[in-house]
N, C-alpha and C. Protein backbone atom coordinates (compact mmCIF):
# COMPACT_ATOMS: atom_id res chain seq x y z
N MET A 1 -7.52 -21.65 -59.10
CA MET A 1 -6.68 -22.79 -59.09
C MET A 1 -6.83 -23.49 -60.43
N GLU A 2 -5.78 -24.12 -60.85
CA GLU A 2 -5.86 -24.85 -62.10
C GLU A 2 -5.18 -26.20 -62.00
N ASP A 3 -5.58 -27.11 -62.85
CA ASP A 3 -5.06 -28.46 -62.97
C ASP A 3 -4.96 -29.21 -61.66
N PRO A 4 -5.84 -30.17 -61.48
CA PRO A 4 -5.81 -30.98 -60.27
C PRO A 4 -4.46 -31.66 -60.09
N THR A 5 -4.10 -31.90 -58.84
CA THR A 5 -2.83 -32.53 -58.51
C THR A 5 -2.75 -33.94 -59.08
N GLU A 6 -3.83 -34.69 -58.99
CA GLU A 6 -3.86 -36.08 -59.44
C GLU A 6 -4.40 -36.17 -60.86
N ASN A 7 -4.13 -37.30 -61.53
CA ASN A 7 -4.69 -37.54 -62.85
C ASN A 7 -5.96 -38.38 -62.77
N ALA A 8 -6.15 -39.08 -61.64
CA ALA A 8 -7.34 -39.92 -61.46
C ALA A 8 -7.84 -39.79 -60.03
N TYR A 9 -9.16 -39.86 -59.87
CA TYR A 9 -9.80 -39.71 -58.57
C TYR A 9 -10.79 -40.83 -58.35
N THR A 10 -11.09 -41.10 -57.09
CA THR A 10 -12.10 -42.08 -56.74
C THR A 10 -13.33 -41.37 -56.18
N LYS A 11 -14.45 -42.08 -56.15
CA LYS A 11 -15.73 -41.51 -55.70
C LYS A 11 -15.61 -40.90 -54.31
N GLY A 12 -16.08 -39.66 -54.19
CA GLY A 12 -16.11 -38.97 -52.91
C GLY A 12 -14.82 -38.28 -52.53
N SER A 13 -13.79 -38.39 -53.37
CA SER A 13 -12.51 -37.76 -53.02
C SER A 13 -12.53 -36.28 -53.36
N THR A 14 -11.87 -35.50 -52.52
CA THR A 14 -11.74 -34.07 -52.74
C THR A 14 -10.67 -33.82 -53.79
N MET A 15 -11.00 -33.03 -54.79
CA MET A 15 -10.03 -32.69 -55.82
C MET A 15 -9.12 -31.60 -55.29
N LYS A 16 -7.83 -31.78 -55.47
CA LYS A 16 -6.83 -30.83 -54.99
C LYS A 16 -6.16 -30.17 -56.19
N PHE A 17 -6.07 -28.86 -56.13
CA PHE A 17 -5.45 -28.08 -57.19
C PHE A 17 -4.18 -27.45 -56.63
N SER A 18 -3.04 -27.89 -57.12
CA SER A 18 -1.76 -27.43 -56.55
C SER A 18 -1.27 -26.13 -57.19
N ASN A 19 -1.68 -25.86 -58.41
CA ASN A 19 -1.23 -24.65 -59.10
C ASN A 19 -2.21 -23.52 -58.79
N VAL A 20 -1.95 -22.82 -57.70
CA VAL A 20 -2.84 -21.75 -57.24
C VAL A 20 -2.38 -20.44 -57.87
N LEU A 21 -3.25 -19.86 -58.69
CA LEU A 21 -2.90 -18.63 -59.40
C LEU A 21 -3.11 -17.39 -58.56
N LEU A 22 -4.14 -17.40 -57.70
CA LEU A 22 -4.46 -16.26 -56.86
C LEU A 22 -5.20 -16.79 -55.63
N ASN A 23 -4.84 -16.30 -54.45
CA ASN A 23 -5.47 -16.78 -53.22
C ASN A 23 -5.58 -15.64 -52.22
N GLU A 24 -6.28 -14.58 -52.60
CA GLU A 24 -6.49 -13.44 -51.70
C GLU A 24 -7.26 -13.90 -50.48
N GLY A 25 -6.79 -13.57 -49.30
CA GLY A 25 -7.43 -13.99 -48.06
C GLY A 25 -7.02 -15.37 -47.59
N ASP A 26 -6.23 -16.07 -48.41
CA ASP A 26 -5.70 -17.40 -48.06
C ASP A 26 -6.79 -18.40 -47.68
N GLY A 27 -7.92 -18.36 -48.36
CA GLY A 27 -9.01 -19.28 -48.06
C GLY A 27 -8.80 -20.68 -48.60
N TYR A 28 -8.00 -20.83 -49.66
CA TYR A 28 -7.81 -22.14 -50.29
C TYR A 28 -6.54 -22.79 -49.78
N ASP A 29 -6.65 -24.08 -49.40
CA ASP A 29 -5.51 -24.88 -48.96
C ASP A 29 -5.23 -25.93 -50.02
N SER A 30 -4.14 -25.79 -50.76
CA SER A 30 -3.84 -26.70 -51.86
C SER A 30 -3.47 -28.10 -51.39
N THR A 31 -3.08 -28.25 -50.13
CA THR A 31 -2.74 -29.59 -49.63
C THR A 31 -3.98 -30.42 -49.31
N THR A 32 -5.08 -29.76 -48.95
CA THR A 32 -6.33 -30.49 -48.64
C THR A 32 -7.37 -30.35 -49.75
N GLY A 33 -7.25 -29.31 -50.57
CA GLY A 33 -8.25 -29.04 -51.60
C GLY A 33 -9.48 -28.32 -51.06
N LEU A 34 -9.41 -27.84 -49.83
CA LEU A 34 -10.57 -27.21 -49.19
C LEU A 34 -10.44 -25.69 -49.19
N PHE A 35 -11.57 -25.03 -49.44
CA PHE A 35 -11.66 -23.59 -49.30
C PHE A 35 -12.41 -23.31 -48.01
N THR A 36 -11.80 -22.55 -47.11
CA THR A 36 -12.44 -22.16 -45.86
C THR A 36 -12.72 -20.66 -45.92
N ALA A 37 -13.98 -20.29 -45.78
CA ALA A 37 -14.37 -18.88 -45.89
C ALA A 37 -13.67 -18.05 -44.82
N PRO A 38 -12.85 -17.07 -45.25
CA PRO A 38 -12.15 -16.23 -44.28
C PRO A 38 -13.06 -15.16 -43.66
N VAL A 39 -14.14 -14.83 -44.35
CA VAL A 39 -15.12 -13.86 -43.85
C VAL A 39 -16.51 -14.31 -44.26
N ALA A 40 -17.52 -13.89 -43.51
CA ALA A 40 -18.90 -14.18 -43.88
C ALA A 40 -19.26 -13.36 -45.12
N GLY A 41 -19.99 -13.99 -46.05
CA GLY A 41 -20.37 -13.24 -47.23
C GLY A 41 -21.07 -14.08 -48.27
N LEU A 42 -21.41 -13.43 -49.36
CA LEU A 42 -22.00 -14.07 -50.52
C LEU A 42 -20.86 -14.44 -51.46
N TYR A 43 -20.76 -15.73 -51.80
CA TYR A 43 -19.65 -16.24 -52.60
C TYR A 43 -20.17 -16.89 -53.88
N LEU A 44 -19.33 -16.87 -54.90
CA LEU A 44 -19.56 -17.59 -56.15
C LEU A 44 -18.42 -18.58 -56.33
N PHE A 45 -18.75 -19.83 -56.62
CA PHE A 45 -17.74 -20.85 -56.91
C PHE A 45 -18.01 -21.44 -58.28
N THR A 46 -16.94 -21.65 -59.04
CA THR A 46 -17.04 -22.26 -60.36
C THR A 46 -16.02 -23.38 -60.48
N ALA A 47 -16.35 -24.36 -61.29
CA ALA A 47 -15.43 -25.47 -61.54
C ALA A 47 -15.59 -25.91 -62.98
N GLN A 48 -14.49 -26.28 -63.60
CA GLN A 48 -14.49 -26.92 -64.91
C GLN A 48 -13.55 -28.10 -64.83
N LEU A 49 -14.01 -29.24 -65.32
CA LEU A 49 -13.19 -30.43 -65.34
C LEU A 49 -13.31 -31.08 -66.70
N CYS A 50 -12.18 -31.38 -67.30
CA CYS A 50 -12.15 -31.98 -68.64
C CYS A 50 -11.61 -33.40 -68.54
N VAL A 51 -12.23 -34.30 -69.28
CA VAL A 51 -11.85 -35.71 -69.25
C VAL A 51 -11.46 -36.18 -70.64
N GLU A 52 -10.72 -37.28 -70.65
CA GLU A 52 -10.28 -37.88 -71.90
C GLU A 52 -11.44 -38.60 -72.59
N LYS A 53 -11.29 -38.84 -73.88
CA LYS A 53 -12.29 -39.53 -74.69
C LYS A 53 -12.73 -40.84 -74.02
N GLY A 54 -14.05 -41.06 -73.99
CA GLY A 54 -14.60 -42.29 -73.45
C GLY A 54 -14.77 -42.30 -71.94
N GLN A 55 -14.37 -41.22 -71.27
CA GLN A 55 -14.46 -41.16 -69.81
C GLN A 55 -15.77 -40.51 -69.37
N SER A 56 -16.21 -40.89 -68.17
CA SER A 56 -17.36 -40.25 -67.53
C SER A 56 -16.85 -39.51 -66.31
N VAL A 57 -17.51 -38.41 -65.97
CA VAL A 57 -17.14 -37.69 -64.76
C VAL A 57 -18.37 -37.03 -64.15
N TYR A 58 -18.46 -37.12 -62.84
CA TYR A 58 -19.41 -36.37 -62.02
C TYR A 58 -18.59 -35.50 -61.10
N ILE A 59 -18.92 -34.24 -60.98
CA ILE A 59 -18.28 -33.40 -59.98
C ILE A 59 -19.36 -32.74 -59.13
N GLN A 60 -19.02 -32.45 -57.90
CA GLN A 60 -19.94 -31.78 -56.98
C GLN A 60 -19.21 -30.65 -56.26
N ILE A 61 -19.86 -29.51 -56.18
CA ILE A 61 -19.40 -28.44 -55.29
C ILE A 61 -20.18 -28.61 -54.00
N THR A 62 -19.49 -28.76 -52.88
CA THR A 62 -20.16 -28.99 -51.61
C THR A 62 -19.82 -27.89 -50.59
N LYS A 63 -20.77 -27.65 -49.69
CA LYS A 63 -20.59 -26.73 -48.57
C LYS A 63 -20.77 -27.52 -47.29
N ASN A 64 -19.73 -27.59 -46.49
CA ASN A 64 -19.77 -28.35 -45.23
C ASN A 64 -20.32 -29.76 -45.44
N GLY A 65 -19.97 -30.36 -46.59
CA GLY A 65 -20.38 -31.73 -46.89
C GLY A 65 -21.73 -31.88 -47.57
N THR A 66 -22.45 -30.78 -47.76
CA THR A 66 -23.76 -30.82 -48.41
C THR A 66 -23.63 -30.30 -49.84
N GLU A 67 -24.19 -31.03 -50.78
CA GLU A 67 -24.08 -30.67 -52.19
C GLU A 67 -24.79 -29.35 -52.49
N LEU A 68 -24.06 -28.47 -53.20
CA LEU A 68 -24.65 -27.24 -53.71
C LEU A 68 -24.98 -27.36 -55.19
N GLN A 69 -24.10 -28.04 -55.93
CA GLN A 69 -24.25 -28.14 -57.38
C GLN A 69 -23.50 -29.36 -57.88
N ARG A 70 -23.99 -29.94 -58.96
CA ARG A 70 -23.28 -31.06 -59.60
C ARG A 70 -23.35 -30.93 -61.11
N SER A 71 -22.39 -31.57 -61.75
CA SER A 71 -22.34 -31.57 -63.20
C SER A 71 -21.71 -32.88 -63.64
N ARG A 72 -21.96 -33.26 -64.90
CA ARG A 72 -21.37 -34.51 -65.38
C ARG A 72 -21.19 -34.51 -66.89
N VAL A 73 -20.27 -35.37 -67.31
CA VAL A 73 -20.09 -35.76 -68.71
C VAL A 73 -20.15 -37.27 -68.69
N TYR A 74 -20.97 -37.87 -69.54
CA TYR A 74 -21.14 -39.31 -69.51
C TYR A 74 -20.57 -39.94 -70.78
N GLN A 75 -19.55 -40.74 -70.62
CA GLN A 75 -18.90 -41.49 -71.70
C GLN A 75 -18.86 -40.70 -73.00
N SER A 76 -18.11 -39.64 -72.95
CA SER A 76 -18.01 -38.74 -74.10
C SER A 76 -17.29 -39.41 -75.27
N GLY A 77 -17.68 -39.04 -76.47
CA GLY A 77 -17.05 -39.56 -77.69
C GLY A 77 -15.77 -38.84 -78.04
N SER A 78 -15.50 -37.77 -77.32
CA SER A 78 -14.26 -37.02 -77.52
C SER A 78 -13.89 -36.39 -76.18
N ASN A 79 -12.74 -35.72 -76.13
CA ASN A 79 -12.39 -35.01 -74.91
C ASN A 79 -13.45 -33.95 -74.67
N GLN A 80 -14.04 -33.95 -73.45
CA GLN A 80 -15.09 -33.00 -73.14
C GLN A 80 -14.93 -32.46 -71.73
N CYS A 81 -15.63 -31.35 -71.48
CA CYS A 81 -15.55 -30.69 -70.18
C CYS A 81 -16.95 -30.53 -69.59
N CYS A 82 -17.02 -30.56 -68.26
CA CYS A 82 -18.26 -30.21 -67.57
C CYS A 82 -17.97 -29.04 -66.66
N ASN A 83 -19.00 -28.25 -66.41
CA ASN A 83 -18.88 -27.04 -65.59
C ASN A 83 -19.94 -27.04 -64.51
N ALA A 84 -19.60 -26.45 -63.37
CA ALA A 84 -20.56 -26.29 -62.28
C ALA A 84 -20.33 -24.92 -61.66
N GLU A 85 -21.42 -24.29 -61.25
CA GLU A 85 -21.37 -22.99 -60.58
C GLU A 85 -22.31 -23.03 -59.39
N ALA A 86 -21.91 -22.37 -58.32
CA ALA A 86 -22.77 -22.29 -57.13
C ALA A 86 -22.58 -20.94 -56.47
N VAL A 87 -23.69 -20.33 -56.06
CA VAL A 87 -23.69 -19.09 -55.30
C VAL A 87 -24.34 -19.40 -53.96
N ASP A 88 -23.69 -18.99 -52.87
CA ASP A 88 -24.25 -19.26 -51.55
C ASP A 88 -23.70 -18.27 -50.54
N VAL A 89 -24.45 -18.09 -49.45
CA VAL A 89 -23.99 -17.27 -48.33
C VAL A 89 -23.21 -18.19 -47.40
N LEU A 90 -21.99 -17.79 -47.08
CA LEU A 90 -21.13 -18.57 -46.20
C LEU A 90 -20.88 -17.80 -44.91
N SER A 91 -20.79 -18.54 -43.83
CA SER A 91 -20.35 -17.98 -42.56
C SER A 91 -18.84 -18.13 -42.49
N ASN A 92 -18.20 -17.32 -41.68
CA ASN A 92 -16.76 -17.45 -41.47
C ASN A 92 -16.48 -18.88 -41.03
N GLY A 93 -15.58 -19.58 -41.73
CA GLY A 93 -15.21 -20.94 -41.39
C GLY A 93 -15.95 -22.03 -42.15
N ASP A 94 -17.00 -21.69 -42.92
CA ASP A 94 -17.66 -22.69 -43.76
C ASP A 94 -16.65 -23.23 -44.77
N ILE A 95 -16.82 -24.51 -45.14
CA ILE A 95 -15.86 -25.18 -46.02
C ILE A 95 -16.52 -25.57 -47.33
N ILE A 96 -15.85 -25.20 -48.42
CA ILE A 96 -16.27 -25.56 -49.77
C ILE A 96 -15.26 -26.53 -50.34
N SER A 97 -15.77 -27.58 -51.01
CA SER A 97 -14.86 -28.52 -51.67
C SER A 97 -15.44 -28.93 -53.02
N LEU A 98 -14.56 -29.40 -53.88
CA LEU A 98 -14.95 -29.95 -55.17
C LEU A 98 -14.68 -31.44 -55.10
N LEU A 99 -15.74 -32.24 -55.25
CA LEU A 99 -15.61 -33.69 -55.13
C LEU A 99 -15.77 -34.38 -56.47
N ALA A 100 -14.99 -35.43 -56.66
CA ALA A 100 -15.22 -36.37 -57.75
C ALA A 100 -16.27 -37.33 -57.25
N ASN A 101 -17.32 -37.57 -58.03
CA ASN A 101 -18.42 -38.40 -57.54
C ASN A 101 -18.58 -39.69 -58.34
N ASN A 102 -17.49 -40.16 -58.94
CA ASN A 102 -17.48 -41.48 -59.55
C ASN A 102 -16.05 -42.03 -59.51
N ASN A 103 -15.90 -43.31 -59.72
CA ASN A 103 -14.58 -43.94 -59.63
C ASN A 103 -13.80 -43.85 -60.93
N GLY A 104 -12.48 -43.74 -60.80
CA GLY A 104 -11.59 -43.82 -61.95
C GLY A 104 -11.65 -42.64 -62.90
N VAL A 105 -11.98 -41.46 -62.41
CA VAL A 105 -12.02 -40.28 -63.26
C VAL A 105 -10.61 -39.98 -63.78
N LYS A 106 -10.44 -39.98 -65.09
CA LYS A 106 -9.15 -39.66 -65.67
C LYS A 106 -9.21 -38.26 -66.27
N ILE A 107 -8.42 -37.38 -65.70
CA ILE A 107 -8.45 -35.96 -66.04
C ILE A 107 -7.59 -35.68 -67.26
N GLN A 108 -8.09 -34.83 -68.15
CA GLN A 108 -7.32 -34.38 -69.30
C GLN A 108 -6.34 -33.31 -68.85
N LYS A 109 -5.08 -33.50 -69.16
CA LYS A 109 -4.05 -32.52 -68.82
C LYS A 109 -3.14 -32.31 -70.01
N ASP A 110 -2.68 -31.09 -70.17
CA ASP A 110 -1.74 -30.76 -71.23
C ASP A 110 -0.96 -29.55 -70.77
N LYS A 111 0.35 -29.67 -70.72
CA LYS A 111 1.17 -28.55 -70.26
C LYS A 111 0.92 -27.33 -71.14
N GLY A 112 0.75 -26.20 -70.49
CA GLY A 112 0.57 -24.94 -71.20
C GLY A 112 -0.88 -24.58 -71.50
N ILE A 113 -1.80 -25.54 -71.32
CA ILE A 113 -3.22 -25.27 -71.57
C ILE A 113 -3.98 -25.50 -70.27
N ILE A 114 -4.81 -24.56 -69.88
CA ILE A 114 -5.60 -24.69 -68.66
C ILE A 114 -6.95 -25.29 -69.02
N PHE A 115 -7.13 -26.57 -68.70
CA PHE A 115 -8.40 -27.25 -68.93
C PHE A 115 -9.27 -27.27 -67.68
N ASN A 116 -8.64 -27.44 -66.53
CA ASN A 116 -9.35 -27.74 -65.28
C ASN A 116 -9.17 -26.62 -64.28
N THR A 117 -10.29 -26.13 -63.74
CA THR A 117 -10.21 -25.00 -62.82
C THR A 117 -11.21 -25.16 -61.69
N PHE A 118 -10.87 -24.54 -60.57
CA PHE A 118 -11.77 -24.41 -59.41
C PHE A 118 -11.53 -23.02 -58.87
N CYS A 119 -12.58 -22.19 -58.84
CA CYS A 119 -12.45 -20.80 -58.44
C CYS A 119 -13.51 -20.43 -57.43
N GLY A 120 -13.14 -19.51 -56.54
CA GLY A 120 -14.09 -18.96 -55.58
C GLY A 120 -13.93 -17.47 -55.51
N PHE A 121 -15.04 -16.75 -55.40
CA PHE A 121 -15.04 -15.29 -55.36
C PHE A 121 -15.96 -14.80 -54.26
N LEU A 122 -15.48 -13.88 -53.47
CA LEU A 122 -16.33 -13.18 -52.51
C LEU A 122 -17.02 -12.07 -53.28
N LEU A 123 -18.36 -12.14 -53.37
CA LEU A 123 -19.11 -11.11 -54.08
C LEU A 123 -19.38 -9.90 -53.19
N ARG A 124 -19.73 -10.19 -51.92
CA ARG A 124 -19.88 -9.10 -50.94
C ARG A 124 -19.88 -9.70 -49.55
N GLU A 125 -19.36 -8.95 -48.60
CA GLU A 125 -19.35 -9.38 -47.21
C GLU A 125 -20.74 -9.22 -46.62
N THR A 126 -21.07 -10.08 -45.66
CA THR A 126 -22.32 -9.97 -44.90
C THR A 126 -21.96 -9.91 -43.42
N GLU A 127 -22.92 -9.54 -42.62
CA GLU A 127 -22.67 -9.45 -41.17
C GLU A 127 -23.14 -10.70 -40.47
């Protein structure tokens, strides 16, 4: 998924990515921003979020509401990006989300350039 739907987010809000490039297994719902594991397995999730000059951003990858990973950029002097990656075993139906963890996050967007992404990959199925 690329480019969040909104330009600004509030603390604890789920980031929604409307431009879905690939969604094998239909695990990602662009209207809610939630990924629901279609099968049990070992998954990798990555996120990149870029902010405008002078902005701070905290992002969290969560599983069923529990933090797996967080990243931040604090009052950057220029446009900057933060990245987060998480690997975890999911059961069928577990939910992964990308949360904004501070108020007033202003996302950097530019047509034709992909700055912001949220991706999930099934590495292998488990029983």
